[in-house]
């Protein structure tokens, strides 16, 4: 999932260098959303693993 966010960020950077501002803005917005979803899922899985680890100890 993080690869998608990095890919959208790279597309946005290339589009902004070439002057395509609307495409760059959309790509940055997509990258932010995907990165946010990745971060939330990471935190949920981290808390679940912490809970399982404490239950086993």
PDB file of N, CA and C in Angstrom:
ATOM      1  N   UNK A   1       0.816  -1.184   0.000  1.00  0.00           N
ATOM      2  CA  UNK A   1       0.000   0.000   0.000  1.00  0.00           C
ATOM      3  C   UNK A   1       0.866   1.256   0.000  1.00  0.00           C
ATOM      4  N   UNK A   2       1.959   1.197   0.733  1.00  0.00           N
ATOM      5  CA  UNK A   2       2.831   2.366   0.770  1.00  0.00           C
ATOM      6  C   UNK A   2       3.471   2.608  -0.603  1.00  0.00           C
ATOM      7  N   UNK A   3       3.601   1.520  -1.397  1.00  0.00           N
ATOM      8  CA  UNK A   3       4.144   1.682  -2.753  1.00  0.00           C
ATOM      9  C   UNK A   3       3.208   2.531  -3.613  1.00  0.00           C
ATOM     10  N   UNK A   4       1.902   2.378  -3.413  1.00  0.00           N
ATOM     11  CA  UNK A   4       0.938   3.194  -4.153  1.00  0.00           C
ATOM     12  C   UNK A   4       1.062   4.668  -3.783  1.00  0.00           C
ATOM     13  N   UNK A   5       1.248   4.929  -2.499  1.00  0.00           N
ATOM     14  CA  UNK A   5       1.394   6.317  -2.056  1.00  0.00           C
ATOM     15  C   UNK A   5       2.672   6.933  -2.624  1.00  0.00           C
ATOM     16  N   UNK A   6       3.750   6.168  -2.620  1.00  0.00           N
ATOM     17  CA  UNK A   6       5.011   6.676  -3.174  1.00  0.00           C
ATOM     18  C   UNK A   6       4.883   6.882  -4.678  1.00  0.00           C
ATOM     19  N   UNK A   7       4.198   5.968  -5.357  1.00  0.00           N
ATOM     20  CA  UNK A   7       3.983   6.114  -6.803  1.00  0.00           C
ATOM     21  C   UNK A   7       3.172   7.354  -7.132  1.00  0.00           C
ATOM     22  N   UNK A   8       2.110   7.602  -6.369  1.00  0.00           N
ATOM     23  CA  UNK A   8       1.294   8.797  -6.595  1.00  0.00           C
ATOM     24  C   UNK A   8       2.099  10.059  -6.301  1.00  0.00           C
ATOM     25  N   UNK A   9       2.961   9.994  -5.293  1.00  0.00           N
ATOM     26  CA  UNK A   9       3.809  11.142  -4.973  1.00  0.00           C
ATOM     27  C   UNK A   9       4.792  11.428  -6.103  1.00  0.00           C
ATOM     28  N   UNK A  10       5.379  10.397  -6.667  1.00  0.00           N
ATOM     29  CA  UNK A  10       6.321  10.575  -7.781  1.00  0.00           C
ATOM     30  C   UNK A  10       5.600  11.142  -9.000  1.00  0.00           C
ATOM     31  N   UNK A  11       4.408  10.621  -9.284  1.00  0.00           N
ATOM     32  CA  UNK A  11       3.630  11.159 -10.410  1.00  0.00           C
ATOM     33  C   UNK A  11       3.316  12.634 -10.172  1.00  0.00           C
ATOM     34  N   UNK A  12       2.965  12.975  -8.943  1.00  0.00           N
ATOM     35  CA  UNK A  12       2.690  14.377  -8.626  1.00  0.00           C
ATOM     36  C   UNK A  12       3.908  15.266  -8.783  1.00  0.00           C
ATOM     37  N   UNK A  13       5.051  14.766  -8.354  1.00  0.00           N
ATOM     38  CA  UNK A  13       6.284  15.553  -8.502  1.00  0.00           C
ATOM     39  C   UNK A  13       6.631  15.775  -9.965  1.00  0.00           C
ATOM     40  N   UNK A  14       6.524  14.728 -10.772  1.00  0.00           N
ATOM     41  CA  UNK A  14       6.832  14.861 -12.200  1.00  0.00           C
ATOM     42  C   UNK A  14       5.831  15.804 -12.867  1.00  0.00           C
ATOM     43  N   UNK A  15       4.559  15.670 -12.529  1.00  0.00           N
ATOM     44  CA  UNK A  15       3.539  16.544 -13.121  1.00  0.00           C
ATOM     45  C   UNK A  15       3.753  17.993 -12.718  1.00  0.00           C
ATOM     46  N   UNK A  16       4.187  18.219 -11.471  1.00  0.00           N
ATOM     47  CA  UNK A  16       4.406  19.608 -11.054  1.00  0.00           C
ATOM     48  C   UNK A  16       5.621  20.213 -11.744  1.00  0.00           C
ATOM     49  N   UNK A  17       6.647  19.409 -11.978  1.00  0.00           N
ATOM     50  CA  UNK A  17       7.827  19.908 -12.699  1.00  0.00           C
ATOM     51  C   UNK A  17       7.462  20.256 -14.141  1.00  0.00           C
ATOM     52  N   UNK A  18       6.582  19.441 -14.749  1.00  0.00           N
ATOM     53  CA  UNK A  18       6.197  19.689 -16.133  1.00  0.00           C
ATOM     54  C   UNK A  18       5.106  20.753 -16.275  1.00  0.00           C
ATOM     55  N   UNK A  19       4.537  21.214 -15.153  1.00  0.00           N
ATOM     56  CA  UNK A  19       3.569  22.302 -15.206  1.00  0.00           C
ATOM     57  C   UNK A  19       2.121  21.878 -15.199  1.00  0.00           C
ATOM     58  N   UNK A  20       1.842  20.604 -15.004  1.00  0.00           N
ATOM     59  CA  UNK A  20       0.460  20.127 -14.952  1.00  0.00           C
ATOM     60  C   UNK A  20      -0.034  20.231 -13.509  1.00  0.00           C
ATOM     61  N   UNK A  21      -0.497  21.419 -13.148  1.00  0.00           N
ATOM     62  CA  UNK A  21      -0.809  21.679 -11.737  1.00  0.00           C
ATOM     63  C   UNK A  21      -2.029  20.913 -11.250  1.00  0.00           C
ATOM     64  N   UNK A  22      -3.048  20.745 -12.092  1.00  0.00           N
ATOM     65  CA  UNK A  22      -4.248  20.037 -11.631  1.00  0.00           C
ATOM     66  C   UNK A  22      -3.962  18.555 -11.424  1.00  0.00           C
ATOM     67  N   UNK A  23      -3.177  17.967 -12.305  1.00  0.00           N
ATOM     68  CA  UNK A  23      -2.800  16.559 -12.149  1.00  0.00           C
ATOM     69  C   UNK A  23      -1.899  16.399 -10.934  1.00  0.00           C
ATOM     70  N   UNK A  24      -1.002  17.336 -10.723  1.00  0.00           N
ATOM     71  CA  UNK A  24      -0.108  17.273  -9.567  1.00  0.00           C
ATOM     72  C   UNK A  24      -0.900  17.374  -8.264  1.00  0.00           C
ATOM     73  N   UNK A  25      -1.850  18.278  -8.205  1.00  0.00           N
ATOM     74  CA  UNK A  25      -2.669  18.432  -7.002  1.00  0.00           C
ATOM     75  C   UNK A  25      -3.478  17.183  -6.706  1.00  0.00           C
ATOM     76  N   UNK A  26      -4.052  16.593  -7.747  1.00  0.00           N
ATOM     77  CA  UNK A  26      -4.829  15.367  -7.559  1.00  0.00           C
ATOM     78  C   UNK A  26      -3.939  14.218  -7.108  1.00  0.00           C
ATOM     79  N   UNK A  27      -2.755  14.122  -7.677  1.00  0.00           N
ATOM     80  CA  UNK A  27      -1.831  13.050  -7.290  1.00  0.00           C
ATOM     81  C   UNK A  27      -1.372  13.205  -5.848  1.00  0.00           C
ATOM     82  N   UNK A  28      -1.113  14.432  -5.426  1.00  0.00           N
ATOM     83  CA  UNK A  28      -0.720  14.666  -4.039  1.00  0.00           C
ATOM     84  C   UNK A  28      -1.861  14.328  -3.083  1.00  0.00           C
ATOM     85  N   UNK A  29      -3.090  14.652  -3.485  1.00  0.00           N
ATOM     86  CA  UNK A  29      -4.245  14.332  -2.636  1.00  0.00           C
ATOM     87  C   UNK A  29      -4.419  12.822  -2.508  1.00  0.00           C
ATOM     88  N   UNK A  30      -4.268  12.105  -3.606  1.00  0.00           N
ATOM     89  CA  UNK A  30      -4.361  10.644  -3.568  1.00  0.00           C
ATOM     90  C   UNK A  30      -3.258  10.069  -2.703  1.00  0.00           C
ATOM     91  N   UNK A  31      -2.051  10.594  -2.828  1.00  0.00           N
ATOM     92  CA  UNK A  31      -0.928  10.099  -2.022  1.00  0.00           C
ATOM     93  C   UNK A  31      -1.178  10.327  -0.540  1.00  0.00           C
ATOM     94  N   UNK A  32      -1.765  11.473  -0.181  1.00  0.00           N
ATOM     95  CA  UNK A  32      -2.059  11.751   1.228  1.00  0.00           C
ATOM     96  C   UNK A  32      -3.120  10.801   1.773  1.00  0.00           C
ATOM     97  N   UNK A  33      -4.136  10.533   0.993  1.00  0.00           N
ATOM     98  CA  UNK A  33      -5.198   9.625   1.438  1.00  0.00           C
ATOM     99  C   UNK A  33      -4.657   8.213   1.618  1.00  0.00           C
ATOM    100  N   UNK A  34      -3.912   7.722   0.651  1.00  0.00           N
ATOM    101  CA  UNK A  34      -3.370   6.368   0.738  1.00  0.00           C
ATOM    102  C   UNK A  34      -2.392   6.258   1.904  1.00  0.00           C
ATOM    103  N   UNK A  35      -1.552   7.258   2.096  1.00  0.00           N
ATOM    104  CA  UNK A  35      -0.617   7.235   3.220  1.00  0.00           C
ATOM    105  C   UNK A  35      -1.359   7.279   4.547  1.00  0.00           C
ATOM    106  N   UNK A  36      -2.450   8.033   4.625  1.00  0.00           N
ATOM    107  CA  UNK A  36      -3.251   8.076   5.846  1.00  0.00           C
ATOM    108  C   UNK A  36      -3.891   6.740   6.158  1.00  0.00           C
ATOM    109  N   UNK A  37      -4.437   6.083   5.142  1.00  0.00           N
ATOM    110  CA  UNK A  37      -5.029   4.753   5.335  1.00  0.00           C
ATOM    111  C   UNK A  37      -3.962   3.761   5.785  1.00  0.00           C
ATOM    112  N   UNK A  38      -2.782   3.832   5.168  1.00  0.00           N
ATOM    113  CA  UNK A  38      -1.689   2.953   5.553  1.00  0.00           C
ATOM    114  C   UNK A  38      -1.302   3.173   7.015  1.00  0.00           C
ATOM    115  N   UNK A  39      -1.222   4.426   7.433  1.00  0.00           N
ATOM    116  CA  UNK A  39      -0.826   4.737   8.806  1.00  0.00           C
ATOM    117  C   UNK A  39      -1.861   4.228   9.807  1.00  0.00           C
ATOM    118  N   UNK A  40      -3.145   4.404   9.499  1.00  0.00           N
ATOM    119  CA  UNK A  40      -4.210   3.932  10.401  1.00  0.00           C
ATOM    120  C   UNK A  40      -4.179   2.409  10.506  1.00  0.00           C
ATOM    121  N   UNK A  41      -4.044   1.721   9.386  1.00  0.00           N
ATOM    122  CA  UNK A  41      -3.964   0.262   9.425  1.00  0.00           C
ATOM    123  C   UNK A  41      -2.730  -0.210  10.181  1.00  0.00           C
ATOM    124  N   UNK A  42      -1.622   0.491  10.022  1.00  0.00           N
ATOM    125  CA  UNK A  42      -0.407   0.160  10.757  1.00  0.00           C
ATOM    126  C   UNK A  42      -0.629   0.269  12.258  1.00  0.00           C
ATOM    127  N   UNK A  43      -1.272   1.349  12.692  1.00  0.00           N
ATOM    128  CA  UNK A  43      -1.532   1.524  14.121  1.00  0.00           C
ATOM    129  C   UNK A  43      -2.479   0.459  14.664  1.00  0.00           C
ATOM    130  N   UNK A  44      -3.510   0.116  13.907  1.00  0.00           N
ATOM    131  CA  UNK A  44      -4.452  -0.918  14.348  1.00  0.00           C
ATOM    132  C   UNK A  44      -3.736  -2.259  14.500  1.00  0.00           C
ATOM    133  N   UNK A  45      -2.942  -2.633  13.516  1.00  0.00           N
ATOM    134  CA  UNK A  45      -2.222  -3.906  13.589  1.00  0.00           C
ATOM    135  C   UNK A  45      -1.171  -3.899  14.693  1.00  0.00           C
ATOM    136  N   UNK A  46      -0.562  -2.750  14.926  1.00  0.00           N
ATOM    137  CA  UNK A  46       0.422  -2.641  16.006  1.00  0.00           C
ATOM    138  C   UNK A  46      -0.245  -2.846  17.363  1.00  0.00           C
ATOM    139  N   UNK A  47      -1.405  -2.245  17.565  1.00  0.00           N
ATOM    140  CA  UNK A  47      -2.132  -2.420  18.821  1.00  0.00           C
ATOM    141  C   UNK A  47      -2.623  -3.857  18.992  1.00  0.00           C
ATOM    142  N   UNK A  48      -3.057  -4.479  17.898  1.00  0.00           N
ATOM    143  CA  UNK A  48      -3.484  -5.871  17.987  1.00  0.00           C
ATOM    144  C   UNK A  48      -2.324  -6.791  18.352  1.00  0.00           C
ATOM    145  N   UNK A  49      -1.165  -6.559  17.762  1.00  0.00           N
ATOM    146  CA  UNK A  49       0.003  -7.376  18.079  1.00  0.00           C
ATOM    147  C   UNK A  49       0.450  -7.153  19.517  1.00  0.00           C
ATOM    148  N   UNK A  50       0.348  -5.935  19.987  1.00  0.00           N
ATOM    149  CA  UNK A  50       0.714  -5.641  21.376  1.00  0.00           C
ATOM    150  C   UNK A  50      -0.237  -6.354  22.337  1.00  0.00           C
ATOM    151  N   UNK A  51      -1.530  -6.364  21.997  1.00  0.00           N
ATOM    152  CA  UNK A  51      -2.513  -7.043  22.827  1.00  0.00           C
ATOM    153  C   UNK A  51      -2.308  -8.546  22.873  1.00  0.00           C
ATOM    154  N   UNK A  52      -1.999  -9.143  21.742  1.00  0.00           N
ATOM    155  CA  UNK A  52      -1.734 -10.580  21.699  1.00  0.00           C
ATOM    156  C   UNK A  52      -0.466 -10.910  22.468  1.00  0.00           C
ATOM    157  N   UNK A  53       0.542 -10.085  22.328  1.00  0.00           N
ATOM    158  CA  UNK A  53       1.796 -10.314  23.044  1.00  0.00           C
ATOM    159  C   UNK A  53       1.626 -10.247  24.539  1.00  0.00           C
ATOM    160  N   UNK A  54       0.823  -9.303  25.018  1.00  0.00           N
ATOM    161  CA  UNK A  54       0.607  -9.192  26.457  1.00  0.00           C
ATOM    162  C   UNK A  54      -0.292 -10.326  26.963  1.00  0.00           C
ATOM    163  N   UNK A  55      -1.183 -10.856  26.121  1.00  0.00           N
ATOM    164  CA  UNK A  55      -2.048 -11.956  26.528  1.00  0.00           C
ATOM    165  C   UNK A  55      -1.260 -13.263  26.646  1.00  0.00           C
ATOM    166  N   UNK A  56      -0.222 -13.409  25.836  1.00  0.00           N
ATOM    167  CA  UNK A  56       0.585 -14.631  25.881  1.00  0.00           C
ATOM    168  C   UNK A  56       1.570 -14.640  27.026  1.00  0.00           C
ATOM    169  N   UNK A  57       1.928 -13.472  27.517  1.00  0.00           N
ATOM    170  CA  UNK A  57       2.949 -13.399  28.576  1.00  0.00           C
ATOM    171  C   UNK A  57       2.422 -13.698  29.939  1.00  0.00           C
TER     172      UNK A  57
END
